[in-house]
Amino acid sequence: MLFYIDEMGCDNKLSILRGWSLIGEPSYGEVLAYQTQRRSIVAGYNYADKKIIALLEYSGYTNTEILINGLRNTYAHH
């Protein structure tokens, strides 16, 4: 079997890229000084049967242990 796997994470520390103000006036926005939440998703594509699989969704960062355990739990029945 051939799988393509990718990890993506996002947090709640967003920066405002666009704003509105009067001509010549700066545009201000409030942004958190630090992140307080993080969500990560590891998803894959099974090349053999052309299906997208969502392996993991969790809070925090991805490391090798999380990825390997997620793969084992997802494919333990195969």
Foldseek 3Di string as FASTA:
>chain_A
DDKDKDKDKDFQQDDDPDDDDPPPDDGDDDGDPDTDWMKMWMKMADPVVGDIGTQDIDTDDDDPVVVVVSVCVVPVVD
